[in-house]
Amino acid sequence: MINLCVMADGVVWFGVACDEKRVFATSFGFSKASVLRGLLAGIPFNVPFQHADETFQFAEYILDLVKSVYYGKEISVNVPLAMEHLSVYMQNVIKVVSLIPLGYVASYGGVAKVSGGSPRAVGRVVARNPFAPIVPCHRVVCSDMSLGGYGGGLNVKLDLLKRENKGYTNKKELLVNSKKFELFPVEFVLRKVQSKK
């Protein structure tokens, strides 16, 4: 049984859809209803679920992780994500996006280069990411360092990136699937946004 658990922290709501061991979806937003809608959109069809009135230990742990990412803190754990109901391509993109560290962004094209497909296909996957913000789709931007899109709105994406800015100035590369995965400091995006004002 999948349990939908939500909690408020000030004006922000956080949610997780999970069983005792795995996460099926995470969400955040500015109303309980929007968070529940996000969770429902992320869980598999034809699987029993319930809205849990009280959270349990694993759900509380995941909610704390979601909160940490939202507030710009690093999480260094592998969250057990339930992805078998997602397409293989979506799983590949989610795995690559999960590698983008705090303080950095990657382009849609950069993600496509190591996961396969096109930048537009990557954009479609991150737009449907059921694990936001634990799988940090907000760290995927356009190749010119403009924000691109974001389901929660560009202001929310920008606020997330501002909280994650660590002042890094150098690009970074990871080797993923025997290919170079180029990462850029969040600062590059913030400068681009500032130059547009």
C-alpha atoms as a PDB file:
ATOM      1  CA  MET A   1       0.000   0.000   0.000  1.00  0.00           C
ATOM      2  CA  ILE A   2       1.326   3.435  -0.949  1.00  0.00           C
ATOM      3  CA  ASN A   3       0.880   6.080   1.722  1.00  0.00           C
ATOM      4  CA  LEU A   4       0.559   9.761   0.819  1.00  0.00           C
ATOM      5  CA  CYS A   5       2.101  11.835   3.608  1.00  0.00           C
ATOM      6  CA  VAL A   6       2.252  15.626   3.688  1.00  0.00           C
ATOM      7  CA  MET A   7       3.536  18.226   6.118  1.00  0.00           C
ATOM      8  CA  ALA A   8       3.711  22.001   6.219  1.00  0.00           C
ATOM      9  CA  ASP A   9       6.764  24.064   7.102  1.00  0.00           C
ATOM     10  CA  GLY A  10       5.654  27.670   7.223  1.00  0.00           C
ATOM     11  CA  VAL A  11       3.961  28.437   3.909  1.00  0.00           C
ATOM     12  CA  VAL A  12       5.556  25.494   2.074  1.00  0.00           C
ATOM     13  CA  TRP A  13       4.034  22.012   1.934  1.00  0.00           C
ATOM     14  CA  PHE A  14       6.121  18.879   1.379  1.00  0.00           C
ATOM     15  CA  GLY A  15       4.873  15.442   0.397  1.00  0.00           C
ATOM     16  CA  VAL A  16       5.950  11.871  -0.178  1.00  0.00           C
ATOM     17  CA  ALA A  17       4.189   8.828  -1.623  1.00  0.00           C
ATOM     18  CA  CYS A  18       5.913   5.773  -0.216  1.00  0.00           C
ATOM     19  CA  ASP A  19       5.548   2.365   1.302  1.00  0.00           C
ATOM     20  CA  GLU A  20       7.757   1.187   4.172  1.00  0.00           C
ATOM     21  CA  LYS A  21      10.877   0.920   1.988  1.00  0.00           C
ATOM     22  CA  ARG A  22      10.588   2.840  -1.297  1.00  0.00           C
ATOM     23  CA  VAL A  23       9.605   6.249  -2.606  1.00  0.00           C
ATOM     24  CA  PHE A  24       7.090   6.454  -5.461  1.00  0.00           C
ATOM     25  CA  ALA A  25       6.838  10.254  -5.628  1.00  0.00           C
ATOM     26  CA  THR A  26       7.826  13.419  -3.790  1.00  0.00           C
ATOM     27  CA  SER A  27       6.465  16.907  -4.149  1.00  0.00           C
ATOM     28  CA  PHE A  28       6.445  20.392  -2.675  1.00  0.00           C
ATOM     29  CA  GLY A  29       4.263  23.446  -3.164  1.00  0.00           C
ATOM     30  CA  PHE A  30       2.373  26.235  -1.530  1.00  0.00           C
ATOM     31  CA  SER A  31      -0.838  24.341  -0.793  1.00  0.00           C
ATOM     32  CA  LYS A  32      -1.670  20.899   0.511  1.00  0.00           C
ATOM     33  CA  ALA A  33      -3.913  20.288  -2.500  1.00  0.00           C
ATOM     34  CA  SER A  34      -1.153  21.046  -5.031  1.00  0.00           C
ATOM     35  CA  VAL A  35       1.265  18.726  -3.229  1.00  0.00           C
ATOM     36  CA  LEU A  36      -1.297  15.910  -3.153  1.00  0.00           C
ATOM     37  CA  ARG A  37      -1.974  16.435  -6.887  1.00  0.00           C
ATOM     38  CA  GLY A  38       1.774  16.174  -7.534  1.00  0.00           C
ATOM     39  CA  LEU A  39       2.006  12.948  -5.566  1.00  0.00           C
ATOM     40  CA  LEU A  40      -1.010  11.414  -7.307  1.00  0.00           C
ATOM     41  CA  ALA A  41       0.464  12.284 -10.712  1.00  0.00           C
ATOM     42  CA  GLY A  42       3.656  10.427  -9.799  1.00  0.00           C
ATOM     43  CA  ILE A  43       2.365   7.135  -8.448  1.00  0.00           C
ATOM     44  CA  PRO A  44       1.686   4.120 -10.692  1.00  0.00           C
ATOM     45  CA  PHE A  45      -1.833   3.415 -11.927  1.00  0.00           C
ATOM     46  CA  ASN A  46      -3.830   0.566 -10.375  1.00  0.00           C
ATOM     47  CA  VAL A  47      -1.810   0.529  -7.161  1.00  0.00           C
ATOM     48  CA  PRO A  48      -3.725   0.943  -3.895  1.00  0.00           C
ATOM     49  CA  PHE A  49      -2.928   4.111  -1.971  1.00  0.00           C
ATOM     50  CA  GLN A  50      -4.214   6.009   1.016  1.00  0.00           C
ATOM     51  CA  HIS A  51      -3.753   9.454   2.502  1.00  0.00           C
ATOM     52  CA  ALA A  52      -1.987   8.797   5.793  1.00  0.00           C
ATOM     53  CA  ASP A  53      -3.203  10.950   8.660  1.00  0.00           C
ATOM     54  CA  GLU A  54       0.005  10.283  10.549  1.00  0.00           C
ATOM     55  CA  THR A  55       3.478   9.874   9.101  1.00  0.00           C
ATOM     56  CA  PHE A  56       5.674   6.892   9.876  1.00  0.00           C
ATOM     57  CA  GLN A  57       9.451   6.798  10.341  1.00  0.00           C
ATOM     58  CA  PHE A  58      10.476   6.229   6.700  1.00  0.00           C
ATOM     59  CA  ALA A  59       8.042   8.889   5.442  1.00  0.00           C
ATOM     60  CA  GLU A  60       9.334  11.395   8.001  1.00  0.00           C
ATOM     61  CA  TYR A  61      12.897  10.656   6.913  1.00  0.00           C
ATOM     62  CA  ILE A  62      12.055  11.294   3.242  1.00  0.00           C
ATOM     63  CA  LEU A  63      10.052  14.436   4.078  1.00  0.00           C
ATOM     64  CA  ASP A  64      13.132  15.758   5.912  1.00  0.00           C
ATOM     65  CA  LEU A  65      15.239  15.062   2.803  1.00  0.00           C
ATOM     66  CA  VAL A  66      12.732  16.865   0.550  1.00  0.00           C
ATOM     67  CA  LYS A  67      12.801  19.822   2.938  1.00  0.00           C
ATOM     68  CA  SER A  68      16.604  19.823   2.978  1.00  0.00           C
ATOM     69  CA  VAL A  69      16.848  19.978  -0.814  1.00  0.00           C
ATOM     70  CA  TYR A  70      14.196  22.702  -0.956  1.00  0.00           C
ATOM     71  CA  TYR A  71      16.187  24.812   1.508  1.00  0.00           C
ATOM     72  CA  GLY A  72      19.442  24.360  -0.434  1.00  0.00           C
ATOM     73  CA  LYS A  73      21.128  21.718   1.690  1.00  0.00           C
ATOM     74  CA  GLU A  74      23.139  18.811   0.339  1.00  0.00           C
ATOM     75  CA  ILE A  75      21.759  15.311   0.773  1.00  0.00           C
ATOM     76  CA  SER A  76      24.263  12.511   0.432  1.00  0.00           C
ATOM     77  CA  VAL A  77      22.097   9.426   0.572  1.00  0.00           C
ATOM     78  CA  ASN A  78      20.732   7.172  -2.109  1.00  0.00           C
ATOM     79  CA  VAL A  79      16.975   7.387  -1.809  1.00  0.00           C
ATOM     80  CA  PRO A  80      15.307   4.074  -2.762  1.00  0.00           C
ATOM     81  CA  LEU A  81      13.180   5.230  -5.701  1.00  0.00           C
ATOM     82  CA  ALA A  82      10.456   2.968  -7.107  1.00  0.00           C
ATOM     83  CA  MET A  83      10.931   3.392 -10.862  1.00  0.00           C
ATOM     84  CA  GLU A  84       9.887   0.082 -12.415  1.00  0.00           C
ATOM     85  CA  HIS A  85       6.627   1.632 -13.670  1.00  0.00           C
ATOM     86  CA  LEU A  86       8.575   4.324 -15.586  1.00  0.00           C
ATOM     87  CA  SER A  87       9.948   3.853 -19.099  1.00  0.00           C
ATOM     88  CA  VAL A  88      13.587   2.798 -19.391  1.00  0.00           C
ATOM     89  CA  TYR A  89      14.387   6.158 -20.986  1.00  0.00           C
ATOM     90  CA  MET A  90      12.746   8.076 -18.140  1.00  0.00           C
ATOM     91  CA  GLN A  91      14.694   5.975 -15.629  1.00  0.00           C
ATOM     92  CA  ASN A  92      17.946   6.763 -17.467  1.00  0.00           C
ATOM     93  CA  VAL A  93      17.283  10.516 -17.465  1.00  0.00           C
ATOM     94  CA  ILE A  94      16.294  10.477 -13.788  1.00  0.00           C
ATOM     95  CA  LYS A  95      19.496   8.606 -12.891  1.00  0.00           C
ATOM     96  CA  VAL A  96      21.624  11.168 -14.768  1.00  0.00           C
ATOM     97  CA  VAL A  97      19.803  14.181 -13.296  1.00  0.00           C
ATOM     98  CA  SER A  98      20.304  12.635  -9.835  1.00  0.00           C
ATOM     99  CA  LEU A  99      24.056  13.012 -10.342  1.00  0.00           C
ATOM    100  CA  ILE A 100      23.962  16.825 -10.631  1.00  0.00           C
ATOM    101  CA  PRO A 101      25.483  18.035  -7.357  1.00  0.00           C
ATOM    102  CA  LEU A 102      24.394  20.962  -5.238  1.00  0.00           C
ATOM    103  CA  GLY A 103      25.838  24.204  -6.575  1.00  0.00           C
ATOM    104  CA  TYR A 104      25.888  23.033 -10.196  1.00  0.00           C
ATOM    105  CA  VAL A 105      23.540  22.794 -13.170  1.00  0.00           C
ATOM    106  CA  ALA A 106      23.574  20.832 -16.417  1.00  0.00           C
ATOM    107  CA  SER A 107      22.012  21.648 -19.748  1.00  0.00           C
ATOM    108  CA  TYR A 108      19.167  19.672 -21.287  1.00  0.00           C
ATOM    109  CA  GLY A 109      21.617  18.818 -24.086  1.00  0.00           C
ATOM    110  CA  GLY A 110      24.273  17.707 -21.614  1.00  0.00           C
ATOM    111  CA  VAL A 111      21.832  15.333 -19.946  1.00  0.00           C
ATOM    112  CA  ALA A 112      20.763  14.041 -23.385  1.00  0.00           C
ATOM    113  CA  LYS A 113      24.385  13.433 -24.375  1.00  0.00           C
ATOM    114  CA  VAL A 114      24.881  10.918 -21.562  1.00  0.00           C
ATOM    115  CA  SER A 115      21.362   9.484 -21.219  1.00  0.00           C
ATOM    116  CA  GLY A 116      20.404   9.352 -24.893  1.00  0.00           C
ATOM    117  CA  GLY A 117      17.657  11.134 -26.761  1.00  0.00           C
ATOM    118  CA  SER A 118      17.391  14.817 -27.524  1.00  0.00           C
ATOM    119  CA  PRO A 119      17.377  17.912 -25.308  1.00  0.00           C
ATOM    120  CA  ARG A 120      13.638  18.220 -25.941  1.00  0.00           C
ATOM    121  CA  ALA A 121      13.065  14.599 -24.843  1.00  0.00           C
ATOM    122  CA  VAL A 122      15.027  15.302 -21.652  1.00  0.00           C
ATOM    123  CA  GLY A 123      12.837  18.374 -21.105  1.00  0.00           C
ATOM    124  CA  ARG A 124       9.717  16.232 -21.368  1.00  0.00           C
ATOM    125  CA  VAL A 125      11.075  13.762 -18.815  1.00  0.00           C
ATOM    126  CA  VAL A 126      12.147  16.377 -16.271  1.00  0.00           C
ATOM    127  CA  ALA A 127       8.771  18.100 -16.683  1.00  0.00           C
ATOM    128  CA  ARG A 128       7.182  14.842 -15.451  1.00  0.00           C
ATOM    129  CA  ASN A 129       9.796  14.069 -12.781  1.00  0.00           C
ATOM    130  CA  PRO A 130       7.863  12.329  -9.983  1.00  0.00           C
ATOM    131  CA  PHE A 131      10.700  12.837  -7.480  1.00  0.00           C
ATOM    132  CA  ALA A 132      11.113  16.625  -7.315  1.00  0.00           C
ATOM    133  CA  PRO A 133      13.172  18.041  -5.701  1.00  0.00           C
ATOM    134  CA  ILE A 134      15.107  14.919  -4.568  1.00  0.00           C
ATOM    135  CA  VAL A 135      15.852  14.252  -8.232  1.00  0.00           C
ATOM    136  CA  PRO A 136      16.889  17.852  -8.881  1.00  0.00           C
ATOM    137  CA  CYS A 137      15.205  18.641 -12.196  1.00  0.00           C
ATOM    138  CA  HIS A 138      15.488  22.328 -11.230  1.00  0.00           C
ATOM    139  CA  ARG A 139      19.236  21.953 -11.896  1.00  0.00           C
ATOM    140  CA  VAL A 140      18.616  21.329 -15.613  1.00  0.00           C
ATOM    141  CA  VAL A 141      18.765  24.521 -17.683  1.00  0.00           C
ATOM    142  CA  CYS A 142      19.165  25.663 -21.291  1.00  0.00           C
ATOM    143  CA  SER A 143      22.594  25.537 -22.951  1.00  0.00           C
ATOM    144  CA  ASP A 144      22.811  29.358 -22.830  1.00  0.00           C
ATOM    145  CA  MET A 145      22.325  29.150 -19.030  1.00  0.00           C
ATOM    146  CA  SER A 146      18.802  30.559 -19.163  1.00  0.00           C
ATOM    147  CA  LEU A 147      16.313  28.849 -16.863  1.00  0.00           C
ATOM    148  CA  GLY A 148      14.288  26.944 -19.456  1.00  0.00           C
ATOM    149  CA  GLY A 149      11.052  25.627 -17.961  1.00  0.00           C
ATOM    150  CA  TYR A 150       9.834  24.402 -14.600  1.00  0.00           C
ATOM    151  CA  GLY A 151       6.522  22.907 -13.555  1.00  0.00           C
ATOM    152  CA  GLY A 152       6.478  24.891 -10.324  1.00  0.00           C
ATOM    153  CA  GLY A 153       7.145  28.149 -12.177  1.00  0.00           C
ATOM    154  CA  LEU A 154      10.383  29.875 -13.134  1.00  0.00           C
ATOM    155  CA  ASN A 155      10.408  31.989  -9.960  1.00  0.00           C
ATOM    156  CA  VAL A 156      10.407  28.804  -7.868  1.00  0.00           C
ATOM    157  CA  LYS A 157      13.223  27.326  -9.990  1.00  0.00           C
ATOM    158  CA  LEU A 158      15.243  30.523  -9.614  1.00  0.00           C
ATOM    159  CA  ASP A 159      14.678  30.605  -5.842  1.00  0.00           C
ATOM    160  CA  LEU A 160      15.826  26.979  -5.535  1.00  0.00           C
ATOM    161  CA  LEU A 161      18.985  27.729  -7.514  1.00  0.00           C
ATOM    162  CA  LYS A 162      19.711  30.876  -5.485  1.00  0.00           C
ATOM    163  CA  ARG A 163      19.572  28.837  -2.283  1.00  0.00           C
ATOM    164  CA  GLU A 164      21.929  26.281  -3.855  1.00  0.00           C
ATOM    165  CA  ASN A 165      24.532  28.797  -5.019  1.00  0.00           C
ATOM    166  CA  LYS A 166      27.856  27.915  -3.409  1.00  0.00           C
ATOM    167  CA  GLY A 167      29.952  30.517  -5.212  1.00  0.00           C
ATOM    168  CA  TYR A 168      31.636  27.953  -7.472  1.00  0.00           C
ATOM    169  CA  THR A 169      33.308  29.490 -10.522  1.00  0.00           C
ATOM    170  CA  ASN A 170      34.726  26.518 -12.426  1.00  0.00           C
ATOM    171  CA  LYS A 171      32.987  23.987 -14.630  1.00  0.00           C
ATOM    172  CA  LYS A 172      33.145  20.356 -13.628  1.00  0.00           C
ATOM    173  CA  GLU A 173      32.950  17.079 -15.551  1.00  0.00           C
ATOM    174  CA  LEU A 174      31.697  13.671 -14.499  1.00  0.00           C
ATOM    175  CA  LEU A 175      32.160  10.462 -16.457  1.00  0.00           C
ATOM    176  CA  VAL A 176      28.703   8.948 -16.979  1.00  0.00           C
ATOM    177  CA  ASN A 177      28.061   5.971 -19.267  1.00  0.00           C
ATOM    178  CA  SER A 178      31.641   6.424 -20.592  1.00  0.00           C
ATOM    179  CA  LYS A 179      30.746   9.970 -21.697  1.00  0.00           C
ATOM    180  CA  LYS A 180      31.708  13.363 -20.292  1.00  0.00           C
ATOM    181  CA  PHE A 181      28.861  15.018 -18.397  1.00  0.00           C
ATOM    182  CA  GLU A 182      29.531  18.741 -18.196  1.00  0.00           C
ATOM    183  CA  LEU A 183      28.345  20.665 -15.151  1.00  0.00           C
ATOM    184  CA  PHE A 184      28.271  24.424 -14.686  1.00  0.00           C
ATOM    185  CA  PRO A 185      28.242  26.498 -11.504  1.00  0.00           C
ATOM    186  CA  VAL A 186      24.800  27.812 -10.512  1.00  0.00           C
ATOM    187  CA  GLU A 187      26.486  31.223 -10.567  1.00  0.00           C
ATOM    188  CA  PHE A 188      26.455  31.088 -14.407  1.00  0.00           C
ATOM    189  CA  VAL A 189      22.650  30.881 -14.391  1.00  0.00           C
ATOM    190  CA  LEU A 190      22.271  33.623 -11.796  1.00  0.00           C
ATOM    191  CA  ARG A 191      24.505  35.946 -13.847  1.00  0.00           C
ATOM    192  CA  LYS A 192      22.433  35.217 -16.957  1.00  0.00           C
ATOM    193  CA  VAL A 193      19.206  36.040 -15.101  1.00  0.00           C
ATOM    194  CA  GLN A 194      20.748  39.224 -13.679  1.00  0.00           C
ATOM    195  CA  SER A 195      21.913  40.352 -17.139  1.00  0.00           C
ATOM    196  CA  LYS A 196      18.327  40.115 -18.426  1.00  0.00           C
ATOM    197  CA  LYS A 197      17.044  42.618 -15.836  1.00  0.00           C
END
